[in-house]
Protein backbone atom coordinates (compact mmCIF):
# COMPACT_ATOMS: atom_id res chain seq x y z
CA MET A 1 0.62 -0.05 -0.56
CA LYS A 2 2.17 2.72 1.26
CA GLY A 3 4.57 1.29 -2.11
CA ASN A 4 1.75 1.94 -4.48
CA LEU A 5 1.31 5.61 -2.64
CA ILE A 6 4.51 7.21 -3.12
CA THR A 7 4.92 5.17 -6.63
CA ASN A 8 1.40 7.58 -7.52
CA LEU A 9 2.64 10.37 -6.61
CA LYS A 10 5.95 10.10 -7.98
CA GLU A 11 4.25 9.71 -11.11
CA LYS A 12 1.88 12.94 -10.56
CA SER A 13 5.44 15.12 -9.77
CA ILE A 14 6.25 14.16 -12.72
CA THR A 15 3.39 14.70 -14.68
CA ASN A 16 3.20 17.98 -13.23
CA LEU A 17 6.81 18.28 -14.36
CA ALA A 18 6.38 17.71 -17.52
CA THR A 19 3.55 19.84 -17.55
CA ASN A 20 5.21 22.64 -16.56
CA SER A 21 7.91 22.64 -18.27
CA THR A 22 5.34 22.91 -21.73
CA THR A 23 3.66 25.97 -19.30
CA ILE A 24 7.30 27.82 -19.21
CA SER A 25 8.39 26.50 -23.29
CA LYS A 26 5.06 28.21 -24.15
CA ILE A 27 5.66 31.49 -21.99
CA ARG A 28 9.01 31.74 -23.18
CA LYS A 29 7.79 31.23 -26.82
CA ALA A 30 4.96 34.27 -26.82
CA LEU A 31 7.40 36.42 -24.14
CA ALA A 32 9.74 36.32 -27.82
CA VAL A 33 7.02 37.18 -29.83
CA PHE A 34 5.69 39.92 -27.97
CA GLY A 35 8.77 41.41 -27.53
CA ALA A 36 9.57 41.30 -31.33
CA LEU A 37 6.54 42.92 -32.17
CA SER A 38 7.37 45.40 -29.16
CA PHE A 39 10.76 45.97 -31.47
CA ALA A 40 8.64 46.00 -34.75
CA PHE A 41 6.63 48.98 -33.19
CA SER A 42 9.05 51.17 -31.44
CA ALA A 43 11.04 50.69 -34.57
CA GLY A 44 8.55 51.82 -36.62
CA PHE A 45 7.17 54.60 -34.61
CA LEU A 46 10.47 56.14 -33.37
CA LEU A 47 10.77 55.96 -37.65
CA SER A 48 7.50 57.68 -38.31
CA ASN A 49 8.75 60.23 -36.03
CA VAL A 50 11.60 61.20 -37.89
CA ASN A 51 10.07 61.84 -40.71
CA VAL A 52 12.12 59.64 -43.40
CA TYR A 53 10.68 60.59 -46.73
CA ALA A 54 12.69 59.16 -50.38
CA ALA A 55 10.81 62.52 -52.12
CA THR A 56 9.48 63.66 -55.16
CA ASN A 57 6.71 65.75 -54.34
CA GLN A 58 6.43 66.91 -50.32
CA THR A 59 5.07 69.93 -49.06
CA LEU A 60 6.89 70.27 -46.04
CA GLU A 61 5.20 71.77 -42.79
CA LEU A 62 6.87 75.27 -40.90
CA ASN A 63 8.75 73.92 -38.11
CA LYS A 64 9.19 69.80 -38.54
CA ASP A 65 11.28 67.98 -39.31
CA TYR A 66 12.13 66.22 -41.39
CA TYR A 67 14.81 63.68 -43.39
CA PHE A 68 15.51 63.52 -46.59
CA ASP A 69 19.19 63.29 -48.63
CA LEU A 70 19.44 66.13 -50.12
CA ASN A 71 23.28 65.67 -51.92
CA GLY A 72 23.08 61.93 -53.21
CA ASP A 73 26.20 61.93 -50.78
CA GLY A 74 23.74 58.22 -49.64
CA GLN A 75 23.14 59.77 -45.77
CA ALA A 76 19.61 62.10 -45.29
CA GLU A 77 19.91 65.80 -44.25
CA LYS A 78 17.43 67.28 -41.08
CA ILE A 79 15.31 70.06 -42.73
CA LYS A 80 13.02 72.38 -40.84
CA TYR A 81 12.52 76.46 -41.89
CA THR A 82 11.53 78.57 -39.47
CA THR A 83 9.40 81.82 -40.10
CA GLN A 84 10.48 84.69 -37.37
CA VAL A 85 7.58 86.28 -36.25
CA ASN A 86 6.75 90.25 -36.42
CA LYS A 87 7.44 92.04 -32.75
CA ASP A 88 4.70 94.69 -33.78
CA ASP A 89 1.84 92.17 -35.27
CA ASN A 90 1.67 88.12 -34.99
CA ASP A 91 -0.03 87.91 -38.59
CA PHE A 92 2.93 89.06 -40.21
CA PHE A 93 6.60 87.14 -40.43
CA ASN A 94 9.93 89.67 -40.59
CA SER A 95 11.77 85.94 -42.40
CA VAL A 96 12.04 83.28 -43.32
CA SER A 97 14.74 80.70 -42.23
CA LEU A 98 15.70 77.36 -43.22
CA PHE A 99 18.07 75.08 -41.11
CA ILE A 100 19.95 72.01 -41.88
CA ASN A 101 21.22 69.30 -39.67
CA ASP A 102 20.30 72.62 -36.81
CA LYS A 103 22.56 74.78 -38.95
CA ASN A 104 20.57 78.40 -40.04
CA VAL A 105 22.16 77.10 -43.77
CA TYR A 106 19.49 80.62 -45.56
CA THR A 107 17.23 83.26 -44.92
CA LYS A 108 14.88 85.68 -46.33
CA GLU A 109 14.70 88.39 -44.68
CA LEU A 110 10.23 89.43 -45.84
CA THR A 111 7.90 90.97 -44.37
CA ASP A 112 4.99 88.51 -45.25
CA THR A 113 1.62 86.45 -43.73
CA TRP A 114 2.70 82.64 -45.29
CA ALA A 115 5.52 80.49 -46.36
CA LYS A 116 6.33 77.27 -47.92
CA TYR A 117 9.10 74.77 -49.64
CA THR A 118 8.69 72.21 -51.22
CA VAL A 119 11.31 69.06 -52.06
CA LEU A 120 10.79 68.19 -55.46
CA ASP A 121 13.06 64.77 -57.19
CA ILE A 122 12.54 67.41 -60.77
CA ASP A 123 15.42 65.06 -62.65
CA SER A 124 15.84 61.76 -60.37
CA SER A 125 19.09 60.88 -62.79
CA ASP A 126 21.62 63.88 -61.07
CA ASN A 127 21.02 62.69 -57.91
CA THR A 128 20.53 65.95 -56.66
CA LEU A 129 16.63 67.34 -54.77
CA GLU A 130 15.11 70.71 -55.51
CA LEU A 131 13.70 73.15 -53.07
CA ASN A 132 10.79 75.83 -54.06
CA LEU A 133 10.53 78.16 -51.51
CA GLN A 134 7.55 80.38 -51.79
CA ILE A 135 7.01 83.91 -49.62
CA GLY A 136 3.33 86.06 -49.36
CA GLY A 137 0.70 87.97 -48.90
CA TYR A 138 -2.97 87.84 -48.11
CA SER A 139 -4.88 86.37 -50.62
CA ASP A 140 -2.35 83.99 -52.31
CA VAL A 141 -0.33 87.06 -53.37
CA MET A 142 3.08 85.76 -54.17
CA ASP A 143 6.22 87.59 -53.23
CA TYR A 144 8.15 86.05 -53.67
CA SER A 145 9.79 82.51 -54.52
CA SER A 146 13.11 80.67 -55.56
CA PHE A 147 14.42 76.94 -56.86
CA GLN A 148 16.99 75.68 -54.43
CA ARG A 149 20.01 72.77 -53.94
CA TRP A 150 22.32 72.47 -51.27
CA ASN A 151 25.67 71.54 -52.20
CA GLY A 152 26.72 69.87 -49.12
CA ALA A 153 28.36 73.09 -47.48
CA SER A 154 25.28 76.00 -48.68
CA ILE A 155 22.36 76.88 -49.96
CA VAL A 156 22.84 77.71 -53.65
CA GLU A 157 19.35 79.42 -55.40
CA PHE A 158 19.79 78.32 -58.88
CA ASP A 159 16.22 80.14 -60.02
CA SER A 160 13.89 82.18 -58.97
CA ASP A 161 11.02 84.76 -59.65
CA LYS A 162 12.68 86.87 -61.99
CA ASN A 163 12.64 83.82 -64.65
CA LYS A 164 9.08 85.02 -66.15
CA ALA A 165 8.13 81.28 -66.18
CA LEU A 166 7.92 81.96 -62.18
CA ASN A 167 5.95 84.75 -61.08
CA TYR A 168 3.40 84.65 -60.82
CA THR A 169 1.06 87.31 -58.87
CA ARG A 170 -0.02 84.18 -56.57
CA GLU A 171 1.13 80.79 -55.10
CA TYR A 172 1.36 77.87 -57.23
CA SER A 173 1.22 74.33 -56.47
CA PHE A 174 3.65 71.59 -58.01
CA SER A 175 2.03 68.07 -60.30
CA ASN A 176 3.53 65.51 -62.44
CA VAL A 177 7.04 65.40 -60.61
CA LYS A 178 8.03 62.63 -62.52
CA GLY A 179 12.44 62.16 -62.04
CA ASN A 180 12.68 63.05 -66.07
CA GLY A 181 13.63 66.60 -66.12
CA ARG A 182 10.07 67.89 -67.19
CA PHE A 183 6.99 68.53 -64.02
CA ASN A 184 3.64 71.19 -64.47
CA ILE A 185 2.59 73.70 -61.94
CA VAL A 186 -0.14 74.86 -61.15
CA VAL A 187 -1.11 78.71 -61.56
CA ASP A 188 -3.78 81.35 -60.39
CA THR A 189 -5.04 82.98 -63.08
CA PRO A 190 -0.94 83.53 -64.73
CA TYR A 191 -2.84 85.69 -67.85
CA SER A 192 -5.39 88.71 -67.71
CA LEU A 193 -8.03 86.85 -70.90
CA PRO A 194 -11.46 88.37 -70.79
CA ILE A 195 -11.83 85.29 -68.61
CA GLY A 196 -11.72 85.90 -65.15
CA CYS A 197 -10.53 84.56 -62.08
CA PHE A 198 -9.00 80.53 -64.01
CA TYR A 199 -6.62 77.52 -62.42
CA ALA A 200 -4.01 76.48 -65.43
CA ASN A 201 -1.62 73.76 -65.32
CA ILE A 202 1.17 74.48 -66.75
CA PRO A 203 4.12 72.27 -68.04
CA LEU A 204 7.46 73.23 -67.27
CA LYS A 205 11.43 71.22 -67.56
CA LEU A 206 14.49 71.96 -65.88
CA GLN A 207 17.37 72.66 -68.37
CA ASN A 208 20.92 73.45 -67.67
CA ASN A 209 19.54 74.96 -64.14
CA LYS A 210 17.29 76.63 -65.98
CA ILE A 211 13.11 76.49 -65.25
CA ILE A 212 11.78 77.23 -68.90
CA THR A 213 8.73 76.30 -70.92
CA THR A 214 7.88 73.51 -72.77
CA THR A 215 4.53 74.41 -74.92
CA GLY A 216 2.82 77.37 -75.32
CA THR A 217 -1.19 75.59 -74.36
CA TYR A 218 -2.18 75.50 -71.06
CA ASN A 219 -4.82 72.67 -70.03
CA LEU A 220 -8.00 74.19 -67.55
CA VAL A 221 -7.95 72.45 -64.00
CA GLY A 222 -10.09 71.87 -61.39
CA SER A 223 -13.27 73.79 -60.98
CA SER A 224 -12.16 76.09 -64.18
CA LYS A 225 -12.77 73.38 -66.34
CA LYS A 226 -16.21 72.88 -65.31
CA TYR A 227 -17.44 76.01 -65.45
CA LYS A 228 -20.47 77.74 -68.36
CA TYR A 229 -19.67 80.44 -69.56
CA LYS A 230 -22.72 82.51 -71.14
CA ALA A 231 -21.81 84.50 -74.35
CA LYS A 232 -23.53 87.82 -74.27
CA SER A 233 -23.50 88.19 -77.80
CA ASN A 234 -22.30 85.73 -80.91
CA ILE A 235 -19.06 84.64 -81.15
CA LYS A 236 -17.36 82.64 -84.16
CA VAL A 237 -15.31 79.63 -83.19
CA TYR A 238 -11.99 78.22 -85.22
CA LYS A 239 -11.41 75.03 -86.82
CA LYS A 240 -7.35 76.40 -85.71
CA ALA A 241 -6.24 79.35 -84.06
CA SER A 242 -6.42 81.53 -85.62
CA LYS A 243 -8.71 83.57 -87.40
CA LYS A 244 -7.84 82.79 -90.60
CA SER A 245 -8.93 79.69 -90.00
CA LYS A 246 -11.68 78.28 -91.13
CA VAL A 247 -15.41 79.48 -88.88
CA LYS A 248 -16.95 75.85 -88.07
CA PHE A 249 -19.75 77.17 -86.14
CA THR A 250 -21.00 80.49 -83.67
CA VAL A 251 -21.68 79.79 -80.41
CA LYS A 252 -24.86 81.91 -80.31
CA LYS A 253 -26.14 84.67 -77.87
CA GLY A 254 -26.92 82.58 -74.54
CA ASP A 255 -25.37 79.91 -75.75
CA LYS A 256 -22.77 77.99 -72.54
CA ILE A 257 -19.16 77.02 -72.84
CA LYS A 258 -17.02 75.31 -71.54
CA MET A 259 -13.11 76.35 -71.11
CA ILE A 260 -11.33 73.20 -71.88
CA LYS A 261 -7.79 74.90 -72.61
CA ILE A 262 -5.95 78.63 -73.41
CA LYS A 263 -3.48 79.57 -76.17
CA PRO A 264 -1.96 82.85 -75.54
CA MET A 265 0.27 84.82 -77.77
CA LYS A 266 2.79 84.59 -76.01
CA ASN A 267 4.10 82.61 -73.25
CA VAL A 268 4.19 82.84 -70.16
CA ALA A 269 7.91 83.81 -70.06
CA LYS A 270 7.83 86.42 -72.00
CA ARG A 271 4.02 87.22 -71.02
CA PRO A 272 3.74 91.43 -70.17
CA GLN A 273 3.64 92.86 -67.28
CA GLY A 274 2.71 96.22 -65.56
CA LYS A 275 3.47 98.02 -62.32
CA TYR A 276 3.31 96.10 -59.32
CA GLY A 277 3.70 92.62 -61.07
CA GLU A 278 0.54 93.55 -62.83
CA GLU A 279 -1.04 91.42 -66.09
CA LYS A 280 -1.14 93.38 -69.15
CA PRO A 281 -4.44 92.17 -71.81
CA ILE A 282 -2.86 90.34 -74.55
CA ASN A 283 -3.99 88.55 -77.55
CA ALA A 284 -5.49 84.40 -76.64
CA TYR A 285 -6.75 81.98 -78.48
CA ALA A 286 -9.17 78.78 -76.03
CA TYR A 287 -10.52 76.33 -77.03
CA VAL A 288 -14.02 75.24 -75.50
CA LYS A 289 -16.89 72.66 -75.44
CA THR A 290 -20.42 73.32 -76.18
CA LYS A 291 -23.87 71.83 -74.57
CA SER A 292 -23.99 69.97 -77.65
CA GLY A 293 -19.90 68.39 -77.54
CA LYS A 294 -18.58 70.38 -80.42
CA LYS A 295 -15.76 72.03 -80.53
CA GLY A 296 -13.03 74.54 -81.07
CA TRP A 297 -11.64 77.22 -80.79
CA ILE A 298 -12.05 81.34 -79.95
CA TYR A 299 -10.12 84.28 -80.49
CA LEU A 300 -9.84 86.28 -76.90
CA SER A 301 -9.32 89.93 -77.73
CA LYS A 302 -7.45 92.58 -74.89
CA LYS A 303 -9.65 94.21 -76.11
CA LYS A 304 -12.89 92.67 -74.58
CA SER A 305 -12.59 92.93 -70.21
CA SER A 306 -13.70 90.14 -67.88
CA TRP A 307 -16.12 92.80 -66.41
CA GLY A 308 -17.65 96.24 -67.21
CA ARG A 309 -19.34 97.37 -70.49
CA LYS A 310 -16.85 95.23 -72.55
CA MET A 311 -17.58 91.66 -71.66
CA LEU A 312 -17.41 89.05 -73.38
CA PHE A 313 -19.48 86.36 -71.41
CA LYS A 314 -22.81 88.10 -69.17
CA ASN A 315 -20.25 86.56 -65.85
CA VAL A 316 -17.31 84.88 -65.77
CA PRO A 317 -15.69 83.32 -62.41
CA GLY A 318 -13.43 85.72 -59.93
CA TRP A 319 -12.35 85.98 -56.57
CA GLY A 320 -9.89 87.80 -54.10
């Protein structure tokens, strides 16, 4: 009896020991998995916090750190831009500064209300990123813009708004940046035409450290291509962008049309500008579409206006 009791106790102890060993093994495995997940989460959290980007078209937030390999040396630079607030009026700042690796490498002194930096990879073959700076005031009015590069020691401005292809009265945004040297900017009313305010897509390219235009025809985008213009009088519609071209049909007074694209007589780099950067009216053509789907070119004379007695259309879009 006593021998059987001892035997049973030994068997139970062995069984419990085996069970405990299995449990401990499972716990160890669970802890290992938990540790791996915790490490992965922490690593991801840290990476997300340092804002590491492979840039093609990234607009930066004010006072926020980002990391980019700006000059193609395989090392990511820490980049941030700040503004110095005007002591007399908090709505304004007196300067914009760019910091790379916590060092102030560029400052533009200008009293204004907004600024933005965009990091671009316009041409991937040069292993260098471009920086675009825009500074302006109320109603998105642009007062300064430039394209810059970091050479490892300093910032180099290689193009600016002295180039008329980049000189606009309002801020612009970027699109179609694919690293092949070509890109587009979406511009608010780049020409003074009798169609009111509009957004146009301007194709540009980087060539020999200069931003140049690639075409003289510009598509309207966003709400501008959906707006319906009501003719104030009969308008001839031509087959080509020329008054010498064949007249395809006539838009009757009161008919509505949509603008698809414009073809000014001068490209954006050669358009005339008056005092304070204001655009002078110029002659142009617009490719239009009627309600029935007919398409063609109409002539936009600089003698016509968006408002007043010389209006080509009964109403046009406008904003401040």
